[in-house]
C-alpha atoms as a PDB file:
ATOM      1  CA  MET A   1      15.227  -6.496  -9.277  1.00  0.00           C
ATOM      2  CA  LYS A   2      10.703  -6.327  -9.042  1.00  0.00           C
ATOM      3  CA  SER A   3       8.673  -3.784  -9.423  1.00  0.00           C
ATOM      4  CA  LEU A   4       4.516  -3.356  -9.854  1.00  0.00           C
ATOM      5  CA  SER A   5       3.364  -2.072 -12.824  1.00  0.00           C
ATOM      6  CA  ARG A   6      -0.383  -1.507 -13.561  1.00  0.00           C
ATOM      7  CA  THR A   7      -1.436  -2.636 -17.178  1.00  0.00           C
ATOM      8  CA  ARG A   8      -3.021  -0.197 -20.197  1.00  0.00           C
ATOM      9  CA  VAL A   9      -4.507  -0.444 -23.291  1.00  0.00           C
ATOM     10  CA  ILE A  10      -2.969   1.211 -26.521  1.00  0.00           C
ATOM     11  CA  GLY A  11      -4.843   0.248 -29.545  1.00  0.00           C
ATOM     12  CA  GLY A  12      -5.491  -3.572 -29.253  1.00  0.00           C
ATOM     13  CA  SER A  13      -2.506  -4.617 -26.764  1.00  0.00           C
ATOM     14  CA  LEU A  14      -1.945  -4.012 -23.570  1.00  0.00           C
ATOM     15  CA  VAL A  15       1.232  -2.195 -22.432  1.00  0.00           C
ATOM     16  CA  VAL A  16       3.285  -2.440 -18.882  1.00  0.00           C
ATOM     17  CA  THR A  17       6.131   0.405 -18.861  1.00  0.00           C
ATOM     18  CA  ILE A  18       9.540  -0.226 -17.111  1.00  0.00           C
ATOM     19  CA  PRO A  19      10.016   2.411 -13.904  1.00  0.00           C
ATOM     20  CA  LYS A  20      13.142   4.679 -15.099  1.00  0.00           C
ATOM     21  CA  GLU A  21      15.026   2.819 -11.911  1.00  0.00           C
ATOM     22  CA  ILE A  22      15.073  -0.471 -13.499  1.00  0.00           C
ATOM     23  CA  VAL A  23      15.790   1.086 -16.917  1.00  0.00           C
ATOM     24  CA  ARG A  24      18.579   2.926 -15.194  1.00  0.00           C
ATOM     25  CA  GLU A  25      20.172   0.244 -13.000  1.00  0.00           C
ATOM     26  CA  LYS A  26      20.175  -2.485 -16.229  1.00  0.00           C
ATOM     27  CA  SER A  27      21.017   0.369 -18.899  1.00  0.00           C
ATOM     28  CA  LEU A  28      18.008  -0.615 -21.089  1.00  0.00           C
ATOM     29  CA  GLN A  29      17.888   1.303 -24.455  1.00  0.00           C
ATOM     30  CA  GLU A  30      14.990   1.355 -27.136  1.00  0.00           C
ATOM     31  CA  GLY A  31      14.540  -1.209 -29.100  1.00  0.00           C
ATOM     32  CA  GLU A  32      16.531  -4.033 -26.866  1.00  0.00           C
ATOM     33  CA  LEU A  33      14.839  -6.965 -26.201  1.00  0.00           C
ATOM     34  CA  VAL A  34      13.824  -7.870 -22.529  1.00  0.00           C
ATOM     35  CA  GLU A  35      12.553 -11.018 -20.500  1.00  0.00           C
ATOM     36  CA  VAL A  36       9.420 -10.263 -18.904  1.00  0.00           C
ATOM     37  CA  ASP A  37       8.030 -12.892 -16.269  1.00  0.00           C
ATOM     38  CA  VAL A  38       4.392 -11.973 -15.744  1.00  0.00           C
ATOM     39  CA  SER A  39       2.336 -13.199 -12.403  1.00  0.00           C
ATOM     40  CA  LYS A  40      -1.389 -11.368 -11.697  1.00  0.00           C
ATOM     41  CA  LEU A  41      -1.497 -10.367  -7.946  1.00  0.00           C
ATOM     42  CA  LYS A  42      -3.988 -11.839  -5.920  1.00  0.00           C
ATOM     43  CA  ARG A  43      -6.236  -8.655  -3.668  1.00  0.00           C
ATOM     44  CA  ASP A  44      -6.959  -9.526  -0.198  1.00  0.00           C
ATOM     45  CA  GLY A  45      -9.859  -7.321   0.356  1.00  0.00           C
ATOM     46  CA  PHE A  46      -7.702  -5.688   3.436  1.00  0.00           C
ATOM     47  CA  GLY A  47      -9.076  -2.214   4.166  1.00  0.00           C
ATOM     48  CA  MET A  48     -11.653  -2.192   1.375  1.00  0.00           C
ATOM     49  CA  LEU A  49     -14.550  -1.044   4.010  1.00  0.00           C
ATOM     50  CA  LYS A  50     -11.990   1.566   5.627  1.00  0.00           C
ATOM     51  CA  GLY A  51     -13.928   4.557   7.169  1.00  0.00           C
ATOM     52  CA  ILE A  52     -17.696   2.419   7.194  1.00  0.00           C
ATOM     53  CA  GLY A  53     -17.420   2.015  10.985  1.00  0.00           C
ATOM     54  CA  LEU A  54     -18.494  -0.673  13.929  1.00  0.00           C
ATOM     55  CA  PHE A  55     -21.763  -2.116  13.452  1.00  0.00           C
ATOM     56  CA  THR A  56     -24.811  -1.589  16.044  1.00  0.00           C
ATOM     57  CA  LYS A  57     -27.503  -3.328  17.752  1.00  0.00           C
ATOM     58  CA  GLU A  58     -29.769  -1.429  15.492  1.00  0.00           C
ATOM     59  CA  ASP A  59     -27.723  -2.459  12.364  1.00  0.00           C
ATOM     60  CA  LYS A  60     -27.868  -6.125  13.123  1.00  0.00           C
ATOM     61  CA  PHE A  61     -31.655  -6.318  13.536  1.00  0.00           C
ATOM     62  CA  LYS A  62     -32.815  -4.033  10.639  1.00  0.00           C
ATOM     63  CA  GLY A  63     -34.700  -5.652   8.018  1.00  0.00           C
ATOM     64  CA  GLN A  64     -35.527  -8.736  10.376  1.00  0.00           C
ATOM     65  CA  PHE A  65     -38.531  -7.677  11.192  1.00  0.00           C
ATOM     66  CA  GLU A  66     -40.286  -5.223   8.689  1.00  0.00           C
ATOM     67  CA  GLU A  67     -42.205  -6.604   6.154  1.00  0.00           C
END
């Protein structure tokens, strides 16, 4: 089972929590040794400028002829 988790800092270490669904499915208990496969996700940037609106002709020429 795969899951996404965000890292956070506790003391000088980074910590990742295991979602309760995985804890239940795998019957994990505190103190057990588990294997973790770490890979960093790539951000694609899709939707980052949501709501900015369309560019107009005025936007295109803005700043080109100003001194």
